[in-house]
Amino acid sequence: MKVKKDIKEREDIVLMVDTFYAYVREDELLGPIFNERIKNNWPTHLEKMYRFWQTVLLHVQAYSGSPFLPHATLPIDKTHFDRWLSLFEKTITENFEGEVADDALQRASNMAQMFQFKIAHYQGKTPLK
């Protein structure tokens, strides 16, 4: 049985992000979209995600910027967000437990919902509930 701990330091963030994006890259629904958009820039993207989650979960000011705009034109909808959230939840529950891990799940859920509605609005569509 794998011993799980809470997300407490950058190394935990790296494990979370690397594990999650390994799932995403291999996923039949999300993989093609992410791989097409990111192409060979995965190291740069992953580093940005480490900084983003460090800022969000560990309250270390490592990220600045607006995460929404790069996603605004992606060909995604509720189905994609449901899968994204499912893979994120799998990543967290397989590797972590504790207050910060729970916070990560809640923040990811909120982010998925917010991005779904903002993308639908940006693209002139009505999001599914």
C-alpha atoms as a PDB file:
ATOM      1  CA  MET A   1       0.000   0.000   0.000  1.00  0.00           C
ATOM      2  CA  LYS A   2       1.326   3.386  -1.013  1.00  0.00           C
ATOM      3  CA  VAL A   3       1.947   5.804   1.831  1.00  0.00           C
ATOM      4  CA  LYS A   4       0.280   9.096   1.032  1.00  0.00           C
ATOM      5  CA  LYS A   5       1.150  12.479   2.453  1.00  0.00           C
ATOM      6  CA  ASP A   6      -0.194  15.952   2.033  1.00  0.00           C
ATOM      7  CA  ILE A   7       1.077  18.444  -0.533  1.00  0.00           C
ATOM      8  CA  LYS A   8       3.628  20.461   1.422  1.00  0.00           C
ATOM      9  CA  GLU A   9       6.537  21.437  -0.838  1.00  0.00           C
ATOM     10  CA  ARG A  10       7.593  22.012  -4.425  1.00  0.00           C
ATOM     11  CA  GLU A  11       8.561  18.343  -4.857  1.00  0.00           C
ATOM     12  CA  ASP A  12       4.963  17.385  -4.095  1.00  0.00           C
ATOM     13  CA  ILE A  13       3.719  19.910  -6.648  1.00  0.00           C
ATOM     14  CA  VAL A  14       6.125  18.473  -9.237  1.00  0.00           C
ATOM     15  CA  LEU A  15       4.841  14.944  -8.549  1.00  0.00           C
ATOM     16  CA  MET A  16       1.233  16.131  -8.804  1.00  0.00           C
ATOM     17  CA  VAL A  17       1.741  18.074 -12.051  1.00  0.00           C
ATOM     18  CA  ASP A  18       3.933  15.443 -13.728  1.00  0.00           C
ATOM     19  CA  THR A  19       1.538  12.622 -12.827  1.00  0.00           C
ATOM     20  CA  PHE A  20      -1.521  14.565 -13.928  1.00  0.00           C
ATOM     21  CA  TYR A  21      -0.076  15.618 -17.272  1.00  0.00           C
ATOM     22  CA  ALA A  22       1.216  12.102 -17.942  1.00  0.00           C
ATOM     23  CA  TYR A  23      -2.433  11.005 -17.705  1.00  0.00           C
ATOM     24  CA  VAL A  24      -3.592  13.920 -19.861  1.00  0.00           C
ATOM     25  CA  ARG A  25      -1.020  13.292 -22.583  1.00  0.00           C
ATOM     26  CA  GLU A  26      -2.114   9.657 -22.888  1.00  0.00           C
ATOM     27  CA  ASP A  27      -5.848  10.323 -22.661  1.00  0.00           C
ATOM     28  CA  GLU A  28      -7.745   9.702 -25.912  1.00  0.00           C
ATOM     29  CA  LEU A  29      -9.979  12.764 -25.411  1.00  0.00           C
ATOM     30  CA  LEU A  30      -7.583  15.314 -23.906  1.00  0.00           C
ATOM     31  CA  GLY A  31      -4.219  14.134 -25.202  1.00  0.00           C
ATOM     32  CA  PRO A  32      -4.655  15.242 -28.823  1.00  0.00           C
ATOM     33  CA  ILE A  33      -5.812  18.718 -27.781  1.00  0.00           C
ATOM     34  CA  PHE A  34      -3.008  19.306 -25.281  1.00  0.00           C
ATOM     35  CA  ASN A  35      -0.331  17.739 -27.476  1.00  0.00           C
ATOM     36  CA  GLU A  36      -1.411  19.829 -30.481  1.00  0.00           C
ATOM     37  CA  ARG A  37      -1.435  23.070 -28.493  1.00  0.00           C
ATOM     38  CA  ILE A  38       1.746  22.483 -26.478  1.00  0.00           C
ATOM     39  CA  LYS A  39       3.702  20.586 -29.142  1.00  0.00           C
ATOM     40  CA  ASN A  40       7.346  20.229 -28.006  1.00  0.00           C
ATOM     41  CA  ASN A  41       7.034  22.837 -25.278  1.00  0.00           C
ATOM     42  CA  TRP A  42       6.056  20.438 -22.502  1.00  0.00           C
ATOM     43  CA  PRO A  43       9.014  21.342 -20.218  1.00  0.00           C
ATOM     44  CA  THR A  44       8.044  25.021 -20.387  1.00  0.00           C
ATOM     45  CA  HIS A  45       4.369  24.227 -19.791  1.00  0.00           C
ATOM     46  CA  LEU A  46       5.123  21.925 -16.860  1.00  0.00           C
ATOM     47  CA  GLU A  47       7.381  24.515 -15.231  1.00  0.00           C
ATOM     48  CA  LYS A  48       4.593  27.089 -15.564  1.00  0.00           C
ATOM     49  CA  MET A  49       2.177  24.625 -13.948  1.00  0.00           C
ATOM     50  CA  TYR A  50       4.601  23.968 -11.062  1.00  0.00           C
ATOM     51  CA  ARG A  51       4.732  27.716 -10.412  1.00  0.00           C
ATOM     52  CA  PHE A  52       0.947  28.089 -10.751  1.00  0.00           C
ATOM     53  CA  TRP A  53       0.149  25.330  -8.248  1.00  0.00           C
ATOM     54  CA  GLN A  54       2.898  26.474  -5.866  1.00  0.00           C
ATOM     55  CA  THR A  55       1.225  29.858  -5.773  1.00  0.00           C
ATOM     56  CA  VAL A  56      -2.291  28.444  -5.400  1.00  0.00           C
ATOM     57  CA  LEU A  57      -1.629  25.655  -2.892  1.00  0.00           C
ATOM     58  CA  LEU A  58       1.551  26.604  -1.044  1.00  0.00           C
ATOM     59  CA  HIS A  59       1.043  30.387  -1.084  1.00  0.00           C
ATOM     60  CA  VAL A  60       4.485  30.920  -2.610  1.00  0.00           C
ATOM     61  CA  GLN A  61       4.431  33.806  -5.079  1.00  0.00           C
ATOM     62  CA  ALA A  62       5.922  31.842  -7.978  1.00  0.00           C
ATOM     63  CA  TYR A  63       3.350  32.499 -10.732  1.00  0.00           C
ATOM     64  CA  SER A  64       1.982  35.657 -12.230  1.00  0.00           C
ATOM     65  CA  GLY A  65      -0.249  35.964 -15.205  1.00  0.00           C
ATOM     66  CA  SER A  66      -3.719  35.102 -16.353  1.00  0.00           C
ATOM     67  CA  PRO A  67      -4.347  31.381 -16.798  1.00  0.00           C
ATOM     68  CA  PHE A  68      -7.588  31.813 -18.720  1.00  0.00           C
ATOM     69  CA  LEU A  69      -6.550  33.379 -22.038  1.00  0.00           C
ATOM     70  CA  PRO A  70      -4.397  30.485 -23.311  1.00  0.00           C
ATOM     71  CA  HIS A  71      -7.465  28.265 -22.892  1.00  0.00           C
ATOM     72  CA  ALA A  72     -10.064  30.601 -24.414  1.00  0.00           C
ATOM     73  CA  THR A  73      -9.864  29.262 -27.975  1.00  0.00           C
ATOM     74  CA  LEU A  74      -9.451  25.577 -27.197  1.00  0.00           C
ATOM     75  CA  PRO A  75     -12.062  23.280 -28.795  1.00  0.00           C
ATOM     76  CA  ILE A  76     -13.334  22.035 -25.426  1.00  0.00           C
ATOM     77  CA  ASP A  77     -16.643  21.709 -23.605  1.00  0.00           C
ATOM     78  CA  LYS A  78     -18.178  20.086 -20.524  1.00  0.00           C
ATOM     79  CA  THR A  79     -17.077  16.603 -21.611  1.00  0.00           C
ATOM     80  CA  HIS A  80     -13.453  17.729 -21.687  1.00  0.00           C
ATOM     81  CA  PHE A  81     -13.698  19.474 -18.322  1.00  0.00           C
ATOM     82  CA  ASP A  82     -15.296  16.395 -16.756  1.00  0.00           C
ATOM     83  CA  ARG A  83     -12.412  14.249 -18.020  1.00  0.00           C
ATOM     84  CA  TRP A  84      -9.814  16.828 -16.925  1.00  0.00           C
ATOM     85  CA  LEU A  85     -11.309  16.884 -13.441  1.00  0.00           C
ATOM     86  CA  SER A  86     -11.530  13.091 -13.307  1.00  0.00           C
ATOM     87  CA  LEU A  87      -7.821  12.778 -14.146  1.00  0.00           C
ATOM     88  CA  PHE A  88      -6.936  15.462 -11.615  1.00  0.00           C
ATOM     89  CA  GLU A  89      -8.950  13.702  -8.899  1.00  0.00           C
ATOM     90  CA  LYS A  90      -7.255  10.401  -9.801  1.00  0.00           C
ATOM     91  CA  THR A  91      -3.849  12.052  -9.489  1.00  0.00           C
ATOM     92  CA  ILE A  92      -4.614  13.509  -6.074  1.00  0.00           C
ATOM     93  CA  THR A  93      -6.330  10.462  -4.561  1.00  0.00           C
ATOM     94  CA  GLU A  94      -3.599   8.078  -5.755  1.00  0.00           C
ATOM     95  CA  ASN A  95      -0.751  10.181  -4.380  1.00  0.00           C
ATOM     96  CA  PHE A  96      -1.865  12.506  -1.598  1.00  0.00           C
ATOM     97  CA  GLU A  97      -4.147  12.975   1.363  1.00  0.00           C
ATOM     98  CA  GLY A  98      -4.648  15.845   3.737  1.00  0.00           C
ATOM     99  CA  GLU A  99      -5.857  19.405   3.967  1.00  0.00           C
ATOM    100  CA  VAL A 100      -3.862  20.797   1.039  1.00  0.00           C
ATOM    101  CA  ALA A 101      -4.753  17.787  -1.146  1.00  0.00           C
ATOM    102  CA  ASP A 102      -8.428  18.433  -0.362  1.00  0.00           C
ATOM    103  CA  ASP A 103      -7.907  22.110  -1.185  1.00  0.00           C
ATOM    104  CA  ALA A 104      -6.333  21.108  -4.527  1.00  0.00           C
ATOM    105  CA  LEU A 105      -9.424  19.063  -5.396  1.00  0.00           C
ATOM    106  CA  GLN A 106     -11.778  21.894  -4.495  1.00  0.00           C
ATOM    107  CA  ARG A 107      -9.752  24.479  -6.386  1.00  0.00           C
ATOM    108  CA  ALA A 108      -9.547  22.242  -9.475  1.00  0.00           C
ATOM    109  CA  SER A 109     -13.302  21.726  -9.390  1.00  0.00           C
ATOM    110  CA  ASN A 110     -13.921  25.472  -9.083  1.00  0.00           C
ATOM    111  CA  MET A 111     -11.418  26.192 -11.845  1.00  0.00           C
ATOM    112  CA  ALA A 112     -12.976  23.656 -14.210  1.00  0.00           C
ATOM    113  CA  GLN A 113     -16.423  25.123 -13.666  1.00  0.00           C
ATOM    114  CA  MET A 114     -15.235  28.714 -14.062  1.00  0.00           C
ATOM    115  CA  PHE A 115     -13.164  27.978 -17.183  1.00  0.00           C
ATOM    116  CA  GLN A 116     -16.022  26.035 -18.757  1.00  0.00           C
ATOM    117  CA  PHE A 117     -18.395  28.963 -18.394  1.00  0.00           C
ATOM    118  CA  LYS A 118     -15.817  31.571 -19.418  1.00  0.00           C
ATOM    119  CA  ILE A 119     -14.799  29.610 -22.528  1.00  0.00           C
ATOM    120  CA  ALA A 120     -18.432  29.097 -23.526  1.00  0.00           C
ATOM    121  CA  HIS A 121     -19.066  32.816 -23.093  1.00  0.00           C
ATOM    122  CA  TYR A 122     -15.879  33.743 -24.963  1.00  0.00           C
ATOM    123  CA  GLN A 123     -16.799  31.439 -27.839  1.00  0.00           C
ATOM    124  CA  GLY A 124     -20.423  32.631 -27.883  1.00  0.00           C
ATOM    125  CA  LYS A 125     -21.876  29.289 -26.749  1.00  0.00           C
ATOM    126  CA  THR A 126     -24.137  28.266 -23.902  1.00  0.00           C
ATOM    127  CA  PRO A 127     -22.393  25.885 -21.484  1.00  0.00           C
ATOM    128  CA  LEU A 128     -24.071  22.631 -20.502  1.00  0.00           C
ATOM    129  CA  LYS A 129     -24.817  22.201 -16.837  1.00  0.00           C
END
